[in-house]
PDB file of N, CA and C in Angstrom:
ATOM      1  N   MET A   1      32.792  33.291  47.326  1.00  0.00           N
ATOM      2  CA  MET A   1      31.725  33.736  47.559  1.00  0.00           C
ATOM      3  C   MET A   1      31.669  34.901  46.098  1.00  0.00           C
ATOM      4  N   SER A   2      30.229  34.836  45.396  1.00  0.00           N
ATOM      5  CA  SER A   2      30.282  36.055  44.433  1.00  0.00           C
ATOM      6  C   SER A   2      29.527  37.007  44.681  1.00  0.00           C
ATOM      7  N   ASP A   3      30.273  38.237  44.113  1.00  0.00           N
ATOM      8  CA  ASP A   3      29.729  39.714  44.150  1.00  0.00           C
ATOM      9  C   ASP A   3      28.633  39.742  43.578  1.00  0.00           C
ATOM     10  N   THR A   4      28.120  38.790  42.060  1.00  0.00           N
ATOM     11  CA  THR A   4      26.830  39.346  41.265  1.00  0.00           C
ATOM     12  C   THR A   4      26.323  37.788  41.486  1.00  0.00           C
ATOM     13  N   TYR A   5      24.753  38.174  41.469  1.00  0.00           N
ATOM     14  CA  TYR A   5      24.004  36.797  41.565  1.00  0.00           C
ATOM     15  C   TYR A   5      23.024  37.305  40.431  1.00  0.00           C
ATOM     16  N   ILE A   6      22.480  36.631  39.452  1.00  0.00           N
ATOM     17  CA  ILE A   6      21.393  36.431  38.937  1.00  0.00           C
ATOM     18  C   ILE A   6      19.810  36.142  39.585  1.00  0.00           C
ATOM     19  N   ILE A   7      18.859  36.662  39.301  1.00  0.00           N
ATOM     20  CA  ILE A   7      17.815  36.404  39.997  1.00  0.00           C
ATOM     21  C   ILE A   7      16.489  35.915  38.998  1.00  0.00           C
ATOM     22  N   GLU A   8      16.336  34.852  39.237  1.00  0.00           N
ATOM     23  CA  GLU A   8      14.760  34.691  37.993  1.00  0.00           C
ATOM     24  C   GLU A   8      13.858  34.258  38.908  1.00  0.00           C
ATOM     25  N   VAL A   9      12.374  34.451  38.550  1.00  0.00           N
ATOM     26  CA  VAL A   9      11.269  34.187  39.184  1.00  0.00           C
ATOM     27  C   VAL A   9      10.711  32.970  38.196  1.00  0.00           C
ATOM     28  N   ASN A  10      10.140  32.120  38.444  1.00  0.00           N
ATOM     29  CA  ASN A  10       9.474  30.953  37.841  1.00  0.00           C
ATOM     30  C   ASN A  10      10.607  31.474  35.931  1.00  0.00           C
ATOM     31  N   SER A  11      11.431  31.283  36.171  1.00  0.00           N
ATOM     32  CA  SER A  11      11.977  30.848  34.922  1.00  0.00           C
ATOM     33  C   SER A  11      12.074  32.379  34.184  1.00  0.00           C
ATOM     34  N   GLU A  12      11.716  33.376  34.479  1.00  0.00           N
ATOM     35  CA  GLU A  12      11.489  34.831  34.197  1.00  0.00           C
ATOM     36  C   GLU A  12      12.651  35.598  34.603  1.00  0.00           C
ATOM     37  N   PRO A  13      13.672  36.054  34.035  1.00  0.00           N
ATOM     38  CA  PRO A  13      14.476  36.962  34.335  1.00  0.00           C
ATOM     39  C   PRO A  13      14.254  38.082  35.127  1.00  0.00           C
ATOM     40  N   ALA A  14      14.361  38.434  36.502  1.00  0.00           N
ATOM     41  CA  ALA A  14      14.040  39.387  37.261  1.00  0.00           C
ATOM     42  C   ALA A  14      14.848  40.507  37.278  1.00  0.00           C
ATOM     43  N   GLY A  15      16.325  40.255  37.692  1.00  0.00           N
ATOM     44  CA  GLY A  15      17.643  41.346  37.830  1.00  0.00           C
ATOM     45  C   GLY A  15      18.563  40.922  38.253  1.00  0.00           C
ATOM     46  N   ILE A  16      19.481  41.547  38.692  1.00  0.00           N
ATOM     47  CA  ILE A  16      20.850  41.416  39.188  1.00  0.00           C
ATOM     48  C   ILE A  16      21.025  41.709  40.410  1.00  0.00           C
ATOM     49  N   VAL A  17      21.896  41.404  41.552  1.00  0.00           N
ATOM     50  CA  VAL A  17      22.381  41.798  42.445  1.00  0.00           C
ATOM     51  C   VAL A  17      23.298  41.593  42.727  1.00  0.00           C
ATOM     52  N   VAL A  18      24.439  42.908  43.134  1.00  0.00           N
ATOM     53  CA  VAL A  18      25.534  43.190  42.873  1.00  0.00           C
ATOM     54  C   VAL A  18      25.683  43.667  44.553  1.00  0.00           C
ATOM     55  N   ARG A  19      27.134  42.993  44.757  1.00  0.00           N
ATOM     56  CA  ARG A  19      27.502  43.582  46.360  1.00  0.00           C
ATOM     57  C   ARG A  19      28.179  44.745  46.224  1.00  0.00           C
ATOM     58  N   GLY A  20      27.808  45.472  46.952  1.00  0.00           N
ATOM     59  CA  GLY A  20      28.217  46.518  47.436  1.00  0.00           C
ATOM     60  C   GLY A  20      28.432  46.980  49.059  1.00  0.00           C
ATOM     61  N   THR A  21      28.723  48.276  49.308  1.00  0.00           N
ATOM     62  CA  THR A  21      29.145  48.572  50.705  1.00  0.00           C
ATOM     63  C   THR A  21      27.965  48.356  51.436  1.00  0.00           C
ATOM     64  N   GLN A  22      26.311  48.529  51.127  1.00  0.00           N
ATOM     65  CA  GLN A  22      25.905  48.304  51.760  1.00  0.00           C
ATOM     66  C   GLN A  22      24.966  47.008  51.570  1.00  0.00           C
ATOM     67  N   GLY A  23      25.578  46.232  51.127  1.00  0.00           N
ATOM     68  CA  GLY A  23      24.757  44.285  51.030  1.00  0.00           C
ATOM     69  C   GLY A  23      24.565  44.889  49.353  1.00  0.00           C
ATOM     70  N   PHE A  24      23.768  43.910  49.046  1.00  0.00           N
ATOM     71  CA  PHE A  24      23.356  44.022  47.359  1.00  0.00           C
ATOM     72  C   PHE A  24      22.502  44.634  46.991  1.00  0.00           C
ATOM     73  N   GLN A  25      22.625  44.965  45.917  1.00  0.00           N
ATOM     74  CA  GLN A  25      21.959  46.108  45.199  1.00  0.00           C
ATOM     75  C   GLN A  25      21.137  45.476  43.788  1.00  0.00           C
ATOM     76  N   PHE A  26      19.802  45.469  44.168  1.00  0.00           N
ATOM     77  CA  PHE A  26      19.443  44.841  43.190  1.00  0.00           C
ATOM     78  C   PHE A  26      19.077  45.993  41.547  1.00  0.00           C
ATOM     79  N   PHE A  27      19.018  45.507  40.323  1.00  0.00           N
ATOM     80  CA  PHE A  27      18.482  45.922  38.953  1.00  0.00           C
ATOM     81  C   PHE A  27      17.918  44.988  38.579  1.00  0.00           C
ATOM     82  N   ALA A  28      16.666  45.709  38.251  1.00  0.00           N
ATOM     83  CA  ALA A  28      15.765  45.306  37.236  1.00  0.00           C
ATOM     84  C   ALA A  28      16.381  44.838  36.119  1.00  0.00           C
ATOM     85  N   ALA A  29      15.365  43.057  35.543  1.00  0.00           N
ATOM     86  CA  ALA A  29      16.152  43.127  34.034  1.00  0.00           C
ATOM     87  C   ALA A  29      14.407  43.077  33.335  1.00  0.00           C
ATOM     88  N   ASN A  30      13.589  43.494  34.223  1.00  0.00           N
ATOM     89  CA  ASN A  30      12.167  43.030  33.071  1.00  0.00           C
ATOM     90  C   ASN A  30      11.381  44.368  34.408  1.00  0.00           C
ATOM     91  N   HIS A  31      10.670  44.806  33.318  1.00  0.00           N
ATOM     92  CA  HIS A  31       9.789  45.856  34.004  1.00  0.00           C
ATOM     93  C   HIS A  31       8.871  45.462  35.259  1.00  0.00           C
ATOM     94  N   ALA A  32       8.594  44.202  35.301  1.00  0.00           N
ATOM     95  CA  ALA A  32       7.909  43.601  36.239  1.00  0.00           C
ATOM     96  C   ALA A  32       8.248  43.789  37.826  1.00  0.00           C
ATOM     97  N   PHE A  33       9.763  44.167  37.622  1.00  0.00           N
ATOM     98  CA  PHE A  33      10.260  43.982  38.579  1.00  0.00           C
ATOM     99  C   PHE A  33      11.185  45.800  39.504  1.00  0.00           C
ATOM    100  N   ASN A  34      10.540  46.306  38.439  1.00  0.00           N
ATOM    101  CA  ASN A  34      11.243  47.834  38.594  1.00  0.00           C
ATOM    102  C   ASN A  34      10.919  48.354  40.240  1.00  0.00           C
ATOM    103  N   SER A  35      10.338  47.722  40.687  1.00  0.00           N
ATOM    104  CA  SER A  35       9.771  48.191  42.266  1.00  0.00           C
ATOM    105  C   SER A  35      11.054  48.092  42.717  1.00  0.00           C
ATOM    106  N   LEU A  36      11.805  47.265  42.509  1.00  0.00           N
ATOM    107  CA  LEU A  36      12.825  46.589  43.807  1.00  0.00           C
ATOM    108  C   LEU A  36      14.339  47.418  43.074  1.00  0.00           C
ATOM    109  N   GLU A  37      14.116  47.869  42.060  1.00  0.00           N
ATOM    110  CA  GLU A  37      15.047  48.682  41.366  1.00  0.00           C
ATOM    111  C   GLU A  37      15.776  49.551  42.702  1.00  0.00           C
ATOM    112  N   GLY A  38      17.086  49.236  42.726  1.00  0.00           N
ATOM    113  CA  GLY A  38      17.887  50.154  43.665  1.00  0.00           C
ATOM    114  C   GLY A  38      17.813  49.801  45.120  1.00  0.00           C
ATOM    115  N   GLN A  39      16.960  48.999  45.385  1.00  0.00           N
ATOM    116  CA  GLN A  39      16.974  48.548  46.682  1.00  0.00           C
ATOM    117  C   GLN A  39      18.259  47.587  47.366  1.00  0.00           C
ATOM    118  N   HIS A  40      18.458  47.726  48.616  1.00  0.00           N
ATOM    119  CA  HIS A  40      19.621  46.981  49.170  1.00  0.00           C
ATOM    120  C   HIS A  40      19.107  45.540  49.887  1.00  0.00           C
ATOM    121  N   PHE A  41      19.886  44.847  49.729  1.00  0.00           N
ATOM    122  CA  PHE A  41      19.389  43.756  50.696  1.00  0.00           C
ATOM    123  C   PHE A  41      20.701  43.012  51.089  1.00  0.00           C
ATOM    124  N   ARG A  42      20.537  42.298  52.498  1.00  0.00           N
ATOM    125  CA  ARG A  42      21.655  41.879  53.064  1.00  0.00           C
ATOM    126  C   ARG A  42      22.027  40.518  52.347  1.00  0.00           C
ATOM    127  N   ASN A  43      21.580  40.143  51.656  1.00  0.00           N
ATOM    128  CA  ASN A  43      22.089  38.933  50.799  1.00  0.00           C
ATOM    129  C   ASN A  43      21.414  38.628  49.652  1.00  0.00           C
ATOM    130  N   ALA A  44      21.917  37.719  49.046  1.00  0.00           N
ATOM    131  CA  ALA A  44      21.234  37.672  47.410  1.00  0.00           C
ATOM    132  C   ALA A  44      19.784  37.089  47.642  1.00  0.00           C
ATOM    133  N   ARG A  45      19.702  35.722  48.914  1.00  0.00           N
ATOM    134  CA  ARG A  45      18.534  35.073  49.221  1.00  0.00           C
ATOM    135  C   ARG A  45      17.429  36.218  49.636  1.00  0.00           C
ATOM    136  N   ASP A  46      17.572  37.035  50.155  1.00  0.00           N
ATOM    137  CA  ASP A  46      16.581  37.911  50.314  1.00  0.00           C
ATOM    138  C   ASP A  46      16.151  38.701  49.071  1.00  0.00           C
ATOM    139  N   ALA A  47      17.367  39.121  48.259  1.00  0.00           N
ATOM    140  CA  ALA A  47      16.680  39.828  47.162  1.00  0.00           C
ATOM    141  C   ALA A  47      15.584  39.164  46.336  1.00  0.00           C
ATOM    142  N   GLU A  48      16.158  37.458  46.364  1.00  0.00           N
ATOM    143  CA  GLU A  48      14.970  36.393  45.590  1.00  0.00           C
ATOM    144  C   GLU A  48      13.682  36.771  45.766  1.00  0.00           C
ATOM    145  N   ARG A  49      13.923  36.573  47.347  1.00  0.00           N
ATOM    146  CA  ARG A  49      12.712  36.526  48.055  1.00  0.00           C
ATOM    147  C   ARG A  49      11.757  37.809  47.693  1.00  0.00           C
ATOM    148  N   ALA A  50      12.601  38.878  47.818  1.00  0.00           N
ATOM    149  CA  ALA A  50      11.745  40.235  47.598  1.00  0.00           C
ATOM    150  C   ALA A  50      11.099  40.032  46.114  1.00  0.00           C
ATOM    151  N   ALA A  51      12.024  39.525  45.212  1.00  0.00           N
ATOM    152  CA  ALA A  51      11.444  39.350  43.855  1.00  0.00           C
ATOM    153  C   ALA A  51      10.260  38.025  43.481  1.00  0.00           C
ATOM    154  N   TYR A  52       9.788  37.188  44.112  1.00  0.00           N
ATOM    155  CA  TYR A  52       9.052  35.972  44.512  1.00  0.00           C
ATOM    156  C   TYR A  52       8.163  37.220  44.688  1.00  0.00           C
ATOM    157  N   ARG A  53       7.918  38.012  45.612  1.00  0.00           N
ATOM    158  CA  ARG A  53       6.772  38.489  46.431  1.00  0.00           C
ATOM    159  C   ARG A  53       6.560  39.924  45.266  1.00  0.00           C
ATOM    160  N   ALA A  54       7.321  40.336  44.770  1.00  0.00           N
ATOM    161  CA  ALA A  54       6.954  41.025  43.938  1.00  0.00           C
ATOM    162  C   ALA A  54       6.304  40.970  42.688  1.00  0.00           C
ATOM    163  N   GLN A  55       6.540  39.523  41.885  1.00  0.00           N
ATOM    164  CA  GLN A  55       5.407  38.900  40.885  1.00  0.00           C
ATOM    165  C   GLN A  55       4.188  38.840  41.711  1.00  0.00           C
ATOM    166  N   PHE A  56       4.265  38.080  42.652  1.00  0.00           N
ATOM    167  CA  PHE A  56       2.429  37.865  43.215  1.00  0.00           C
ATOM    168  C   PHE A  56       1.776  39.066  43.406  1.00  0.00           C
ATOM    169  N   GLU A  57       2.640  40.351  43.739  1.00  0.00           N
ATOM    170  CA  GLU A  57       1.781  41.818  43.963  1.00  0.00           C
ATOM    171  C   GLU A  57       1.577  42.305  42.923  1.00  0.00           C
ATOM    172  N   ARG A  58       2.044  41.863  41.686  1.00  0.00           N
ATOM    173  CA  ARG A  58       1.955  42.897  40.679  1.00  0.00           C
ATOM    174  C   ARG A  58       0.397  42.268  39.774  1.00  0.00           C
ATOM    175  N   PRO A  59      -0.066  43.119  39.191  1.00  0.00           N
ATOM    176  CA  PRO A  59      -1.563  42.784  38.465  1.00  0.00           C
ATOM    177  C   PRO A  59      -1.162  41.731  37.570  1.00  0.00           C
ATOM    178  N   GLN A  60      -1.959  40.863  37.389  1.00  0.00           N
ATOM    179  CA  GLN A  60      -2.054  39.439  36.340  1.00  0.00           C
ATOM    180  C   GLN A  60      -2.699  40.441  35.044  1.00  0.00           C
ATOM    181  N   ARG A  61      -2.054  39.634  34.027  1.00  0.00           N
ATOM    182  CA  ARG A  61      -2.480  39.799  32.843  1.00  0.00           C
ATOM    183  C   ARG A  61      -3.609  39.113  32.539  1.00  0.00           C
ATOM    184  N   SER A  62      -4.691  39.576  31.691  1.00  0.00           N
ATOM    185  CA  SER A  62      -5.857  39.090  31.021  1.00  0.00           C
ATOM    186  C   SER A  62      -5.319  38.369  30.017  1.00  0.00           C
ATOM    187  N   THR A  63      -5.355  36.949  29.934  1.00  0.00           N
ATOM    188  CA  THR A  63      -5.341  35.815  28.795  1.00  0.00           C
ATOM    189  C   THR A  63      -6.696  35.840  27.757  1.00  0.00           C
ATOM    190  N   VAL A  64      -7.664  36.729  27.967  1.00  0.00           N
ATOM    191  CA  VAL A  64      -8.374  36.478  27.483  1.00  0.00           C
ATOM    192  C   VAL A  64      -8.840  37.651  26.020  1.00  0.00           C
TER     193      VAL A  64
END
């Protein structure tokens, strides 16, 4: 089992999670996911789900 995972959301790098004593800690690779920075998750899948939720909760850019 790996200690580090890359999290992507819709082919966009969100961050990495690193296994530690408190579970997996999230490190944002993109400003859009800064709200998750430093959070701990039980496993990498929980971190991935949180990243997906964070993407849909952020304001969408205007294409005009």
